[in-house]
């Protein structure tokens, strides 16, 4: 389970995140939506340990992620975090196929590889 408790983040006098709290259970699918500048990316960067909150707690699998520093943080991020950027599902396409493309249905980057047992799927291999 991921538990986000009372996350705050400011840039100077601009308060971007104001006490954001939620829980996500294992297997649950969620989305984060909002207008430009609402703090979606900031929140994801904090949850993903790429940025630090000014206040609050991030708990993943009973561990206070927001308290980790240095090599412990790097090891945790290496074992538990994954990031993607600019990946958009193509209409009428299985999500695993979409990972073979960058920026939606644009230029094909690498061959498709279907995930499955015994297959450590790395989309850009």
PDB file of N, CA and C in Angstrom:
ATOM      1  N   UNK A   1       0.830  -1.182   0.000  1.00  0.00           N
ATOM      2  CA  UNK A   1       0.000   0.000   0.000  1.00  0.00           C
ATOM      3  C   UNK A   1       0.876   1.247   0.000  1.00  0.00           C
ATOM      4  N   UNK A   2       0.416   2.261  -0.717  1.00  0.00           N
ATOM      5  CA  UNK A   2       1.037   3.575  -0.720  1.00  0.00           C
ATOM      6  C   UNK A   2       0.142   4.500   0.079  1.00  0.00           C
ATOM      7  N   UNK A   3       0.727   5.182   1.034  1.00  0.00           N
ATOM      8  CA  UNK A   3      -0.018   6.132   1.847  1.00  0.00           C
ATOM      9  C   UNK A   3       0.674   7.487   1.764  1.00  0.00           C
ATOM     10  N   UNK A   4      -0.065   8.476   1.321  1.00  0.00           N
ATOM     11  CA  UNK A   4       0.425   9.848   1.209  1.00  0.00           C
ATOM     12  C   UNK A   4      -0.350  10.656   2.242  1.00  0.00           C
ATOM     13  N   UNK A   5       0.385  11.294   3.153  1.00  0.00           N
ATOM     14  CA  UNK A   5      -0.271  11.980   4.268  1.00  0.00           C
ATOM     15  C   UNK A   5       0.162  13.436   4.363  1.00  0.00           C
ATOM     16  N   UNK A   6      -0.793  14.329   4.137  1.00  0.00           N
ATOM     17  CA  UNK A   6      -0.623  15.757   4.382  1.00  0.00           C
ATOM     18  C   UNK A   6       0.607  16.358   3.692  1.00  0.00           C
ATOM     19  N   UNK A   7       0.807  16.024   2.413  1.00  0.00           N
ATOM     20  CA  UNK A   7       1.965  16.516   1.665  1.00  0.00           C
ATOM     21  C   UNK A   7       1.787  17.994   1.331  1.00  0.00           C
ATOM     22  N   UNK A   8       2.816  18.765   1.638  1.00  0.00           N
ATOM     23  CA  UNK A   8       2.849  20.177   1.283  1.00  0.00           C
ATOM     24  C   UNK A   8       4.124  20.467   0.499  1.00  0.00           C
ATOM     25  N   UNK A   9       4.020  21.416  -0.440  1.00  0.00           N
ATOM     26  CA  UNK A   9       5.185  21.832  -1.220  1.00  0.00           C
ATOM     27  C   UNK A   9       4.952  23.251  -1.703  1.00  0.00           C
ATOM     28  N   UNK A  10       5.954  24.092  -1.495  1.00  0.00           N
ATOM     29  CA  UNK A  10       5.899  25.481  -1.946  1.00  0.00           C
ATOM     30  C   UNK A  10       7.152  25.811  -2.727  1.00  0.00           C
ATOM     31  N   UNK A  11       6.999  26.736  -3.656  1.00  0.00           N
ATOM     32  CA  UNK A  11       8.122  27.316  -4.379  1.00  0.00           C
ATOM     33  C   UNK A  11       8.057  28.809  -4.087  1.00  0.00           C
ATOM     34  N   UNK A  12       8.903  29.253  -3.178  1.00  0.00           N
ATOM     35  CA  UNK A  12       8.825  30.634  -2.720  1.00  0.00           C
ATOM     36  C   UNK A  12       7.498  30.856  -2.006  1.00  0.00           C
ATOM     37  N   UNK A  13       6.752  31.864  -2.434  1.00  0.00           N
ATOM     38  CA  UNK A  13       5.462  32.144  -1.801  1.00  0.00           C
ATOM     39  C   UNK A  13       4.308  31.375  -2.445  1.00  0.00           C
ATOM     40  N   UNK A  14       4.593  30.630  -3.517  1.00  0.00           N
ATOM     41  CA  UNK A  14       3.554  29.869  -4.218  1.00  0.00           C
ATOM     42  C   UNK A  14       3.397  28.485  -3.589  1.00  0.00           C
ATOM     43  N   UNK A  15       2.270  28.253  -2.921  1.00  0.00           N
ATOM     44  CA  UNK A  15       2.010  26.947  -2.316  1.00  0.00           C
ATOM     45  C   UNK A  15       1.343  26.057  -3.353  1.00  0.00           C
ATOM     46  N   UNK A  16       2.065  25.022  -3.800  1.00  0.00           N
ATOM     47  CA  UNK A  16       1.602  24.157  -4.879  1.00  0.00           C
ATOM     48  C   UNK A  16       0.772  22.999  -4.339  1.00  0.00           C
ATOM     49  N   UNK A  17       1.246  22.340  -3.299  1.00  0.00           N
ATOM     50  CA  UNK A  17       0.518  21.233  -2.679  1.00  0.00           C
ATOM     51  C   UNK A  17       0.142  21.637  -1.260  1.00  0.00           C
ATOM     52  N   UNK A  18      -1.136  21.488  -0.921  1.00  0.00           N
ATOM     53  CA  UNK A  18      -1.652  21.992   0.347  1.00  0.00           C
ATOM     54  C   UNK A  18      -2.304  20.869   1.139  1.00  0.00           C
ATOM     55  N   UNK A  19      -1.502  20.007   1.728  1.00  0.00           N
ATOM     56  CA  UNK A  19      -2.046  18.944   2.573  1.00  0.00           C
ATOM     57  C   UNK A  19      -2.695  17.804   1.813  1.00  0.00           C
ATOM     58  N   UNK A  20      -2.050  17.333   0.758  1.00  0.00           N
ATOM     59  CA  UNK A  20      -2.580  16.239  -0.066  1.00  0.00           C
ATOM     60  C   UNK A  20      -2.443  14.918   0.687  1.00  0.00           C
ATOM     61  N   UNK A  21      -3.550  14.171   0.776  1.00  0.00           N
ATOM     62  CA  UNK A  21      -3.551  12.878   1.469  1.00  0.00           C
ATOM     63  C   UNK A  21      -4.397  11.872   0.694  1.00  0.00           C
ATOM     64  N   UNK A  22      -3.912  10.645   0.590  1.00  0.00           N
ATOM     65  CA  UNK A  22      -4.680   9.546   0.008  1.00  0.00           C
ATOM     66  C   UNK A  22      -3.955   8.234   0.252  1.00  0.00           C
ATOM     67  N   UNK A  23      -4.666   7.129   0.082  1.00  0.00           N
ATOM     68  CA  UNK A  23      -4.096   5.783   0.163  1.00  0.00           C
ATOM     69  C   UNK A  23      -4.400   5.052  -1.136  1.00  0.00           C
ATOM     70  N   UNK A  24      -3.447   4.265  -1.614  1.00  0.00           N
ATOM     71  CA  UNK A  24      -3.654   3.423  -2.784  1.00  0.00           C
ATOM     72  C   UNK A  24      -3.323   1.997  -2.380  1.00  0.00           C
ATOM     73  N   UNK A  25      -4.268   1.109  -2.549  1.00  0.00           N
ATOM     74  CA  UNK A  25      -4.090  -0.297  -2.195  1.00  0.00           C
ATOM     75  C   UNK A  25      -3.398  -1.043  -3.328  1.00  0.00           C
ATOM     76  N   UNK A  26      -2.727  -2.123  -3.011  1.00  0.00           N
ATOM     77  CA  UNK A  26      -2.062  -2.962  -4.011  1.00  0.00           C
ATOM     78  C   UNK A  26      -3.083  -3.403  -5.059  1.00  0.00           C
ATOM     79  N   UNK A  27      -2.753  -3.251  -6.337  1.00  0.00           N
ATOM     80  CA  UNK A  27      -3.619  -3.653  -7.426  1.00  0.00           C
ATOM     81  C   UNK A  27      -4.633  -2.598  -7.842  1.00  0.00           C
ATOM     82  N   UNK A  28      -4.739  -1.530  -7.078  1.00  0.00           N
ATOM     83  CA  UNK A  28      -5.687  -0.469  -7.389  1.00  0.00           C
ATOM     84  C   UNK A  28      -5.122   0.405  -8.510  1.00  0.00           C
ATOM     85  N   UNK A  29      -5.973   0.819  -9.417  1.00  0.00           N
ATOM     86  CA  UNK A  29      -5.567   1.690 -10.520  1.00  0.00           C
ATOM     87  C   UNK A  29      -6.147   3.072 -10.259  1.00  0.00           C
ATOM     88  N   UNK A  30      -5.283   4.077 -10.310  1.00  0.00           N
ATOM     89  CA  UNK A  30      -5.719   5.450 -10.050  1.00  0.00           C
ATOM     90  C   UNK A  30      -5.191   6.365 -11.150  1.00  0.00           C
ATOM     91  N   UNK A  31      -5.768   7.538 -11.240  1.00  0.00           N
ATOM     92  CA  UNK A  31      -5.238   8.566 -12.133  1.00  0.00           C
ATOM     93  C   UNK A  31      -5.220   9.892 -11.374  1.00  0.00           C
ATOM     94  N   UNK A  32      -4.339  10.754 -11.813  1.00  0.00           N
ATOM     95  CA  UNK A  32      -4.247  12.090 -11.236  1.00  0.00           C
ATOM     96  C   UNK A  32      -4.559  13.065 -12.357  1.00  0.00           C
ATOM     97  N   UNK A  33      -5.581  13.867 -12.157  1.00  0.00           N
ATOM     98  CA  UNK A  33      -6.004  14.813 -13.191  1.00  0.00           C
ATOM     99  C   UNK A  33      -6.086  16.210 -12.597  1.00  0.00           C
ATOM    100  N   UNK A  34      -5.865  17.188 -13.430  1.00  0.00           N
ATOM    101  CA  UNK A  34      -5.973  18.565 -12.994  1.00  0.00           C
ATOM    102  C   UNK A  34      -5.483  19.498 -14.080  1.00  0.00           C
ATOM    103  N   UNK A  35      -5.745  20.758 -13.913  1.00  0.00           N
ATOM    104  CA  UNK A  35      -5.336  21.746 -14.907  1.00  0.00           C
ATOM    105  C   UNK A  35      -3.824  21.959 -14.859  1.00  0.00           C
ATOM    106  N   UNK A  36      -3.315  22.601 -15.868  1.00  0.00           N
ATOM    107  CA  UNK A  36      -1.895  22.918 -15.936  1.00  0.00           C
ATOM    108  C   UNK A  36      -1.500  23.756 -14.720  1.00  0.00           C
ATOM    109  N   UNK A  37      -0.411  23.370 -14.066  1.00  0.00           N
ATOM    110  CA  UNK A  37       0.068  24.106 -12.904  1.00  0.00           C
ATOM    111  C   UNK A  37      -0.588  23.729 -11.589  1.00  0.00           C
ATOM    112  N   UNK A  38      -1.433  22.694 -11.612  1.00  0.00           N
ATOM    113  CA  UNK A  38      -2.148  22.302 -10.394  1.00  0.00           C
ATOM    114  C   UNK A  38      -1.276  21.527  -9.405  1.00  0.00           C
ATOM    115  N   UNK A  39      -0.114  21.021  -9.849  1.00  0.00           N
ATOM    116  CA  UNK A  39       0.780  20.294  -8.950  1.00  0.00           C
ATOM    117  C   UNK A  39       0.841  18.794  -9.198  1.00  0.00           C
ATOM    118  N   UNK A  40       0.289  18.324 -10.316  1.00  0.00           N
ATOM    119  CA  UNK A  40       0.291  16.884 -10.615  1.00  0.00           C
ATOM    120  C   UNK A  40       1.715  16.333 -10.712  1.00  0.00           C
ATOM    121  N   UNK A  41       2.541  16.975 -11.513  1.00  0.00           N
ATOM    122  CA  UNK A  41       3.925  16.506 -11.679  1.00  0.00           C
ATOM    123  C   UNK A  41       4.714  16.649 -10.387  1.00  0.00           C
ATOM    124  N   UNK A  42       4.503  17.724  -9.671  1.00  0.00           N
ATOM    125  CA  UNK A  42       5.181  17.912  -8.388  1.00  0.00           C
ATOM    126  C   UNK A  42       4.833  16.776  -7.441  1.00  0.00           C
ATOM    127  N   UNK A  43       3.554  16.428  -7.362  1.00  0.00           N
ATOM    128  CA  UNK A  43       3.124  15.328  -6.498  1.00  0.00           C
ATOM    129  C   UNK A  43       3.771  14.020  -6.927  1.00  0.00           C
ATOM    130  N   UNK A  44       3.776  13.729  -8.218  1.00  0.00           N
ATOM    131  CA  UNK A  44       4.384  12.491  -8.704  1.00  0.00           C
ATOM    132  C   UNK A  44       5.888  12.459  -8.448  1.00  0.00           C
ATOM    133  N   UNK A  45       6.553  13.588  -8.591  1.00  0.00           N
ATOM    134  CA  UNK A  45       7.997  13.651  -8.300  1.00  0.00           C
ATOM    135  C   UNK A  45       8.264  13.379  -6.821  1.00  0.00           C
ATOM    136  N   UNK A  46       7.416  13.879  -5.956  1.00  0.00           N
ATOM    137  CA  UNK A  46       7.583  13.644  -4.520  1.00  0.00           C
ATOM    138  C   UNK A  46       7.312  12.177  -4.191  1.00  0.00           C
ATOM    139  N   UNK A  47       6.225  11.629  -4.711  1.00  0.00           N
ATOM    140  CA  UNK A  47       5.925  10.210  -4.470  1.00  0.00           C
ATOM    141  C   UNK A  47       7.039   9.327  -5.017  1.00  0.00           C
ATOM    142  N   UNK A  48       7.584   9.699  -6.175  1.00  0.00           N
ATOM    143  CA  UNK A  48       8.651   8.920  -6.803  1.00  0.00           C
ATOM    144  C   UNK A  48      10.033   9.176  -6.249  1.00  0.00           C
ATOM    145  N   UNK A  49      10.147   9.959  -5.204  1.00  0.00           N
ATOM    146  CA  UNK A  49      11.391  10.270  -4.489  1.00  0.00           C
ATOM    147  C   UNK A  49      12.370  11.100  -5.323  1.00  0.00           C
ATOM    148  N   UNK A  50      11.879  11.770  -6.362  1.00  0.00           N
ATOM    149  CA  UNK A  50      12.735  12.641  -7.165  1.00  0.00           C
ATOM    150  C   UNK A  50      12.802  14.054  -6.601  1.00  0.00           C
ATOM    151  N   UNK A  51      11.876  14.370  -5.705  1.00  0.00           N
ATOM    152  CA  UNK A  51      11.821  15.680  -5.056  1.00  0.00           C
ATOM    153  C   UNK A  51      11.386  15.462  -3.610  1.00  0.00           C
ATOM    154  N   UNK A  52      11.622  16.431  -2.774  1.00  0.00           N
ATOM    155  CA  UNK A  52      11.241  16.353  -1.364  1.00  0.00           C
ATOM    156  C   UNK A  52      10.070  17.281  -1.081  1.00  0.00           C
ATOM    157  N   UNK A  53       9.148  16.816  -0.279  1.00  0.00           N
ATOM    158  CA  UNK A  53       8.033  17.650   0.174  1.00  0.00           C
ATOM    159  C   UNK A  53       8.519  18.568   1.286  1.00  0.00           C
ATOM    160  N   UNK A  54       7.838  19.671   1.472  1.00  0.00           N
ATOM    161  CA  UNK A  54       8.131  20.548   2.607  1.00  0.00           C
ATOM    162  C   UNK A  54       7.590  19.958   3.899  1.00  0.00           C
ATOM    163  N   UNK A  55       6.532  19.171   3.784  1.00  0.00           N
ATOM    164  CA  UNK A  55       5.928  18.540   4.949  1.00  0.00           C
ATOM    165  C   UNK A  55       5.112  17.338   4.534  1.00  0.00           C
ATOM    166  N   UNK A  56       4.786  16.494   5.494  1.00  0.00           N
ATOM    167  CA  UNK A  56       3.972  15.312   5.239  1.00  0.00           C
ATOM    168  C   UNK A  56       4.777  14.031   5.209  1.00  0.00           C
ATOM    169  N   UNK A  57       4.105  12.934   4.903  1.00  0.00           N
ATOM    170  CA  UNK A  57       4.724  11.600   4.909  1.00  0.00           C
ATOM    171  C   UNK A  57       4.364  10.837   3.643  1.00  0.00           C
ATOM    172  N   UNK A  58       5.332  10.053   3.167  1.00  0.00           N
ATOM    173  CA  UNK A  58       5.111   9.088   2.082  1.00  0.00           C
ATOM    174  C   UNK A  58       5.489   7.730   2.648  1.00  0.00           C
ATOM    175  N   UNK A  59       4.516   6.825   2.697  1.00  0.00           N
ATOM    176  CA  UNK A  59       4.760   5.496   3.248  1.00  0.00           C
ATOM    177  C   UNK A  59       4.458   4.465   2.163  1.00  0.00           C
ATOM    178  N   UNK A  60       5.446   3.659   1.815  1.00  0.00           N
ATOM    179  CA  UNK A  60       5.275   2.592   0.835  1.00  0.00           C
ATOM    180  C   UNK A  60       5.725   1.289   1.468  1.00  0.00           C
ATOM    181  N   UNK A  61       4.848   0.321   1.485  1.00  0.00           N
ATOM    182  CA  UNK A  61       5.138  -0.989   2.068  1.00  0.00           C
ATOM    183  C   UNK A  61       5.682  -0.843   3.490  1.00  0.00           C
ATOM    184  N   UNK A  62       4.988  -0.061   4.310  1.00  0.00           N
ATOM    185  CA  UNK A  62       5.317   0.162   5.726  1.00  0.00           C
ATOM    186  C   UNK A  62       6.653   0.848   5.962  1.00  0.00           C
ATOM    187  N   UNK A  63       7.194   1.529   4.965  1.00  0.00           N
ATOM    188  CA  UNK A  63       8.460   2.236   5.126  1.00  0.00           C
ATOM    189  C   UNK A  63       8.259   3.719   4.824  1.00  0.00           C
ATOM    190  N   UNK A  64       8.747   4.570   5.720  1.00  0.00           N
ATOM    191  CA  UNK A  64       8.684   6.018   5.523  1.00  0.00           C
ATOM    192  C   UNK A  64       9.709   6.424   4.466  1.00  0.00           C
ATOM    193  N   UNK A  65       9.271   6.509   3.233  1.00  0.00           N
ATOM    194  CA  UNK A  65      10.141   6.826   2.106  1.00  0.00           C
ATOM    195  C   UNK A  65      10.678   8.251   2.215  1.00  0.00           C
ATOM    196  N   UNK A  66       9.880   9.155   2.748  1.00  0.00           N
ATOM    197  CA  UNK A  66      10.293  10.548   2.849  1.00  0.00           C
ATOM    198  C   UNK A  66      11.466  10.763   3.806  1.00  0.00           C
ATOM    199  N   UNK A  67      11.785   9.788   4.630  1.00  0.00           N
ATOM    200  CA  UNK A  67      12.901   9.909   5.570  1.00  0.00           C
ATOM    201  C   UNK A  67      14.212   9.334   5.024  1.00  0.00           C
ATOM    202  N   UNK A  68      14.154   8.626   3.900  1.00  0.00           N
ATOM    203  CA  UNK A  68      15.353   8.008   3.329  1.00  0.00           C
ATOM    204  C   UNK A  68      16.257   9.058   2.706  1.00  0.00           C
ATOM    205  N   UNK A  69      17.567   8.842   2.795  1.00  0.00           N
ATOM    206  CA  UNK A  69      18.562   9.747   2.223  1.00  0.00           C
ATOM    207  C   UNK A  69      19.698   8.932   1.612  1.00  0.00           C
ATOM    208  N   UNK A  70      20.458   9.542   0.713  1.00  0.00           N
ATOM    209  CA  UNK A  70      21.689   8.978   0.179  1.00  0.00           C
ATOM    210  C   UNK A  70      21.536   7.601  -0.433  1.00  0.00           C
ATOM    211  N   UNK A  71      22.420   6.688  -0.024  1.00  0.00           N
ATOM    212  CA  UNK A  71      22.444   5.341  -0.601  1.00  0.00           C
ATOM    213  C   UNK A  71      21.189   4.542  -0.277  1.00  0.00           C
ATOM    214  N   UNK A  72      20.607   4.771   0.886  1.00  0.00           N
ATOM    215  CA  UNK A  72      19.369   4.066   1.235  1.00  0.00           C
ATOM    216  C   UNK A  72      18.233   4.493   0.301  1.00  0.00           C
ATOM    217  N   UNK A  73      18.155   5.781   0.009  1.00  0.00           N
ATOM    218  CA  UNK A  73      17.144   6.276  -0.911  1.00  0.00           C
ATOM    219  C   UNK A  73      17.395   5.734  -2.317  1.00  0.00           C
ATOM    220  N   UNK A  74      18.638   5.762  -2.761  1.00  0.00           N
ATOM    221  CA  UNK A  74      18.970   5.257  -4.100  1.00  0.00           C
ATOM    222  C   UNK A  74      18.634   3.773  -4.216  1.00  0.00           C
ATOM    223  N   UNK A  75      18.952   2.987  -3.198  1.00  0.00           N
ATOM    224  CA  UNK A  75      18.631   1.563  -3.210  1.00  0.00           C
ATOM    225  C   UNK A  75      17.134   1.318  -3.230  1.00  0.00           C
ATOM    226  N   UNK A  76      16.404   2.078  -2.440  1.00  0.00           N
ATOM    227  CA  UNK A  76      14.943   1.949  -2.414  1.00  0.00           C
ATOM    228  C   UNK A  76      14.357   2.296  -3.776  1.00  0.00           C
ATOM    229  N   UNK A  77      14.810   3.399  -4.346  1.00  0.00           N
ATOM    230  CA  UNK A  77      14.319   3.833  -5.656  1.00  0.00           C
ATOM    231  C   UNK A  77      14.632   2.771  -6.715  1.00  0.00           C
ATOM    232  N   UNK A  78      15.808   2.191  -6.653  1.00  0.00           N
ATOM    233  CA  UNK A  78      16.214   1.164  -7.613  1.00  0.00           C
ATOM    234  C   UNK A  78      15.336  -0.087  -7.522  1.00  0.00           C
ATOM    235  N   UNK A  79      14.945  -0.464  -6.316  1.00  0.00           N
ATOM    236  CA  UNK A  79      14.156  -1.680  -6.110  1.00  0.00           C
ATOM    237  C   UNK A  79      12.656  -1.484  -6.302  1.00  0.00           C
ATOM    238  N   UNK A  80      12.145  -0.285  -6.019  1.00  0.00           N
ATOM    239  CA  UNK A  80      10.696  -0.121  -5.924  1.00  0.00           C
ATOM    240  C   UNK A  80      10.073   0.911  -6.868  1.00  0.00           C
ATOM    241  N   UNK A  81      10.861   1.724  -7.532  1.00  0.00           N
ATOM    242  CA  UNK A  81      10.283   2.797  -8.341  1.00  0.00           C
ATOM    243  C   UNK A  81      10.533   2.559  -9.821  1.00  0.00           C
ATOM    244  N   UNK A  82       9.594   3.012 -10.642  1.00  0.00           N
ATOM    245  CA  UNK A  82       9.735   2.980 -12.090  1.00  0.00           C
ATOM    246  C   UNK A  82       9.153   4.252 -12.664  1.00  0.00           C
ATOM    247  N   UNK A  83       9.759   4.768 -13.698  1.00  0.00           N
ATOM    248  CA  UNK A  83       9.331   6.036 -14.260  1.00  0.00           C
ATOM    249  C   UNK A  83       9.177   5.908 -15.765  1.00  0.00           C
ATOM    250  N   UNK A  84       8.232   6.637 -16.310  1.00  0.00           N
ATOM    251  CA  UNK A  84       8.087   6.729 -17.759  1.00  0.00           C
ATOM    252  C   UNK A  84       7.738   8.174 -18.083  1.00  0.00           C
ATOM    253  N   UNK A  85       7.961   8.552 -19.319  1.00  0.00           N
ATOM    254  CA  UNK A  85       7.684   9.918 -19.720  1.00  0.00           C
ATOM    255  C   UNK A  85       7.102   9.932 -21.120  1.00  0.00           C
ATOM    256  N   UNK A  86       6.083  10.716 -21.324  1.00  0.00           N
ATOM    257  CA  UNK A  86       5.482  10.917 -22.642  1.00  0.00           C
ATOM    258  C   UNK A  86       5.045   9.621 -23.308  1.00  0.00           C
ATOM    259  N   UNK A  87       4.465   8.725 -22.553  1.00  0.00           N
ATOM    260  CA  UNK A  87       3.949   7.492 -23.138  1.00  0.00           C
ATOM    261  C   UNK A  87       2.435   7.598 -23.180  1.00  0.00           C
ATOM    262  N   UNK A  88       1.886   7.493 -24.358  1.00  0.00           N
ATOM    263  CA  UNK A  88       0.456   7.616 -24.566  1.00  0.00           C
ATOM    264  C   UNK A  88      -0.033   6.360 -25.266  1.00  0.00           C
ATOM    265  N   UNK A  89      -1.123   5.787 -24.788  1.00  0.00           N
ATOM    266  CA  UNK A  89      -1.663   4.591 -25.430  1.00  0.00           C
ATOM    267  C   UNK A  89      -2.258   4.945 -26.780  1.00  0.00           C
ATOM    268  N   UNK A  90      -1.960   4.115 -27.760  1.00  0.00           N
ATOM    269  CA  UNK A  90      -2.562   4.270 -29.078  1.00  0.00           C
ATOM    270  C   UNK A  90      -3.962   3.668 -29.054  1.00  0.00           C
ATOM    271  N   UNK A  91      -4.907   4.241 -29.770  1.00  0.00           N
ATOM    272  CA  UNK A  91      -6.246   3.653 -29.826  1.00  0.00           C
ATOM    273  C   UNK A  91      -6.196   2.230 -30.364  1.00  0.00           C
ATOM    274  N   UNK A  92      -7.023   1.381 -29.835  1.00  0.00           N
ATOM    275  CA  UNK A  92      -7.143  -0.009 -30.291  1.00  0.00           C
ATOM    276  C   UNK A  92      -5.833  -0.778 -30.221  1.00  0.00           C
ATOM    277  N   UNK A  93      -5.019  -0.497 -29.233  1.00  0.00           N
ATOM    278  CA  UNK A  93      -3.735  -1.174 -29.096  1.00  0.00           C
ATOM    279  C   UNK A  93      -3.569  -1.651 -27.663  1.00  0.00           C
ATOM    280  N   UNK A  94      -3.036  -2.838 -27.502  1.00  0.00           N
ATOM    281  CA  UNK A  94      -2.755  -3.351 -26.166  1.00  0.00           C
ATOM    282  C   UNK A  94      -1.690  -2.479 -25.523  1.00  0.00           C
ATOM    283  N   UNK A  95      -1.815  -2.187 -24.211  1.00  0.00           N
ATOM    284  CA  UNK A  95      -0.828  -1.320 -23.555  1.00  0.00           C
ATOM    285  C   UNK A  95       0.606  -1.812 -23.708  1.00  0.00           C
ATOM    286  N   UNK A  96       0.832  -3.133 -23.702  1.00  0.00           N
ATOM    287  CA  UNK A  96       2.211  -3.616 -23.813  1.00  0.00           C
ATOM    288  C   UNK A  96       2.805  -3.278 -25.169  1.00  0.00           C
ATOM    289  N   UNK A  97       1.978  -3.161 -26.201  1.00  0.00           N
ATOM    290  CA  UNK A  97       2.481  -2.782 -27.516  1.00  0.00           C
ATOM    291  C   UNK A  97       2.900  -1.312 -27.537  1.00  0.00           C
ATOM    292  N   UNK A  98       2.182  -0.496 -26.798  1.00  0.00           N
ATOM    293  CA  UNK A  98       2.433   0.937 -26.804  1.00  0.00           C
ATOM    294  C   UNK A  98       3.827   1.262 -26.291  1.00  0.00           C
ATOM    295  N   UNK A  99       4.358   0.468 -25.382  1.00  0.00           N
ATOM    296  CA  UNK A  99       5.681   0.745 -24.840  1.00  0.00           C
ATOM    297  C   UNK A  99       6.777   0.664 -25.881  1.00  0.00           C
ATOM    298  N   UNK A 100       6.473   0.105 -27.041  1.00  0.00           N
ATOM    299  CA  UNK A 100       7.465   0.062 -28.109  1.00  0.00           C
ATOM    300  C   UNK A 100       7.561   1.406 -28.818  1.00  0.00           C
ATOM    301  N   UNK A 101       6.706   2.327 -28.477  1.00  0.00           N
ATOM    302  CA  UNK A 101       6.664   3.629 -29.123  1.00  0.00           C
ATOM    303  C   UNK A 101       6.886   4.730 -28.104  1.00  0.00           C
ATOM    304  N   UNK A 102       7.465   5.812 -28.534  1.00  0.00           N
ATOM    305  CA  UNK A 102       7.586   6.985 -27.677  1.00  0.00           C
ATOM    306  C   UNK A 102       6.658   8.053 -28.237  1.00  0.00           C
ATOM    307  N   UNK A 103       6.098   8.856 -27.374  1.00  0.00           N
ATOM    308  CA  UNK A 103       5.187   9.924 -27.779  1.00  0.00           C
ATOM    309  C   UNK A 103       4.016   9.388 -28.579  1.00  0.00           C
ATOM    310  N   UNK A 104       3.323   8.426 -27.990  1.00  0.00           N
ATOM    311  CA  UNK A 104       2.104   7.915 -28.618  1.00  0.00           C
ATOM    312  C   UNK A 104       2.405   7.020 -29.798  1.00  0.00           C
ATOM    313  N   UNK A 105       1.824   7.305 -30.919  1.00  0.00           N
ATOM    314  CA  UNK A 105       1.937   6.445 -32.098  1.00  0.00           C
ATOM    315  C   UNK A 105       3.023   6.933 -33.042  1.00  0.00           C
ATOM    316  N   UNK A 106       4.003   7.634 -32.521  1.00  0.00           N
ATOM    317  CA  UNK A 106       5.069   8.202 -33.345  1.00  0.00           C
ATOM    318  C   UNK A 106       6.071   7.155 -33.809  1.00  0.00           C
ATOM    319  N   UNK A 107       7.284   7.572 -33.949  1.00  0.00           N
ATOM    320  CA  UNK A 107       8.343   6.730 -34.490  1.00  0.00           C
ATOM    321  C   UNK A 107       8.560   5.492 -33.627  1.00  0.00           C
ATOM    322  N   UNK A 108       8.660   4.336 -34.272  1.00  0.00           N
ATOM    323  CA  UNK A 108       8.918   3.096 -33.551  1.00  0.00           C
ATOM    324  C   UNK A 108      10.361   3.113 -33.066  1.00  0.00           C
ATOM    325  N   UNK A 109      10.560   2.820 -31.768  1.00  0.00           N
ATOM    326  CA  UNK A 109      11.893   2.891 -31.182  1.00  0.00           C
ATOM    327  C   UNK A 109      12.564   1.518 -31.056  1.00  0.00           C
ATOM    328  N   UNK A 110      11.840   0.549 -30.581  1.00  0.00           N
ATOM    329  CA  UNK A 110      12.411  -0.782 -30.363  1.00  0.00           C
ATOM    330  C   UNK A 110      11.362  -1.824 -30.672  1.00  0.00           C
ATOM    331  N   UNK A 111      11.811  -3.057 -30.848  1.00  0.00           N
ATOM    332  CA  UNK A 111      10.854  -4.116 -31.167  1.00  0.00           C
ATOM    333  C   UNK A 111       9.947  -4.385 -29.978  1.00  0.00           C
ATOM    334  N   UNK A 112       8.750  -4.849 -30.280  1.00  0.00           N
ATOM    335  CA  UNK A 112       7.780  -5.163 -29.236  1.00  0.00           C
ATOM    336  C   UNK A 112       8.175  -6.448 -28.527  1.00  0.00           C
ATOM    337  N   UNK A 113       7.946  -6.497 -27.257  1.00  0.00           N
ATOM    338  CA  UNK A 113       8.227  -7.683 -26.465  1.00  0.00           C
ATOM    339  C   UNK A 113       7.102  -7.829 -25.466  1.00  0.00           C
ATOM    340  N   UNK A 114       6.373  -8.903 -25.549  1.00  0.00           N
ATOM    341  CA  UNK A 114       5.238  -9.097 -24.661  1.00  0.00           C
ATOM    342  C   UNK A 114       5.712  -9.574 -23.298  1.00  0.00           C
ATOM    343  N   UNK A 115       5.220  -8.939 -22.202  1.00  0.00           N
ATOM    344  CA  UNK A 115       5.592  -9.391 -20.864  1.00  0.00           C
ATOM    345  C   UNK A 115       4.968 -10.736 -20.564  1.00  0.00           C
ATOM    346  N   UNK A 116       5.623 -11.499 -19.746  1.00  0.00           N
ATOM    347  CA  UNK A 116       5.074 -12.789 -19.350  1.00  0.00           C
ATOM    348  C   UNK A 116       6.001 -13.503 -18.394  1.00  0.00           C
ATOM    349  N   UNK A 117       5.597 -14.677 -17.905  1.00  0.00           N
ATOM    350  CA  UNK A 117       6.427 -15.432 -16.966  1.00  0.00           C
ATOM    351  C   UNK A 117       7.804 -15.731 -17.558  1.00  0.00           C
ATOM    352  N   UNK A 118       8.818 -15.507 -16.760  1.00  0.00           N
ATOM    353  CA  UNK A 118      10.183 -15.794 -17.200  1.00  0.00           C
ATOM    354  C   UNK A 118      10.732 -14.761 -18.155  1.00  0.00           C
ATOM    355  N   UNK A 119       9.992 -13.710 -18.415  1.00  0.00           N
ATOM    356  CA  UNK A 119      10.421 -12.682 -19.342  1.00  0.00           C
ATOM    357  C   UNK A 119      10.525 -11.370 -18.588  1.00  0.00           C
ATOM    358  N   UNK A 120      11.746 -10.940 -18.250  1.00  0.00           N
ATOM    359  CA  UNK A 120      11.883  -9.658 -17.556  1.00  0.00           C
ATOM    360  C   UNK A 120      11.738  -8.562 -18.608  1.00  0.00           C
ATOM    361  N   UNK A 121      10.590  -7.981 -18.651  1.00  0.00           N
ATOM    362  CA  UNK A 121      10.216  -7.037 -19.694  1.00  0.00           C
ATOM    363  C   UNK A 121      10.824  -5.688 -19.447  1.00  0.00           C
ATOM    364  N   UNK A 122      11.676  -5.264 -20.336  1.00  0.00           N
ATOM    365  CA  UNK A 122      12.278  -3.949 -20.275  1.00  0.00           C
ATOM    366  C   UNK A 122      11.965  -3.260 -21.598  1.00  0.00           C
ATOM    367  N   UNK A 123      11.012  -2.319 -21.594  1.00  0.00           N
ATOM    368  CA  UNK A 123      10.492  -1.777 -22.834  1.00  0.00           C
ATOM    369  C   UNK A 123      11.536  -1.223 -23.797  1.00  0.00           C
ATOM    370  N   UNK A 124      12.664  -0.691 -23.325  1.00  0.00           N
ATOM    371  CA  UNK A 124      13.620  -0.079 -24.246  1.00  0.00           C
ATOM    372  C   UNK A 124      14.841  -0.933 -24.495  1.00  0.00           C
ATOM    373  N   UNK A 125      14.801  -2.203 -24.144  1.00  0.00           N
ATOM    374  CA  UNK A 125      15.922  -3.114 -24.466  1.00  0.00           C
ATOM    375  C   UNK A 125      16.002  -3.385 -25.945  1.00  0.00           C
TER     376      UNK A 125
END
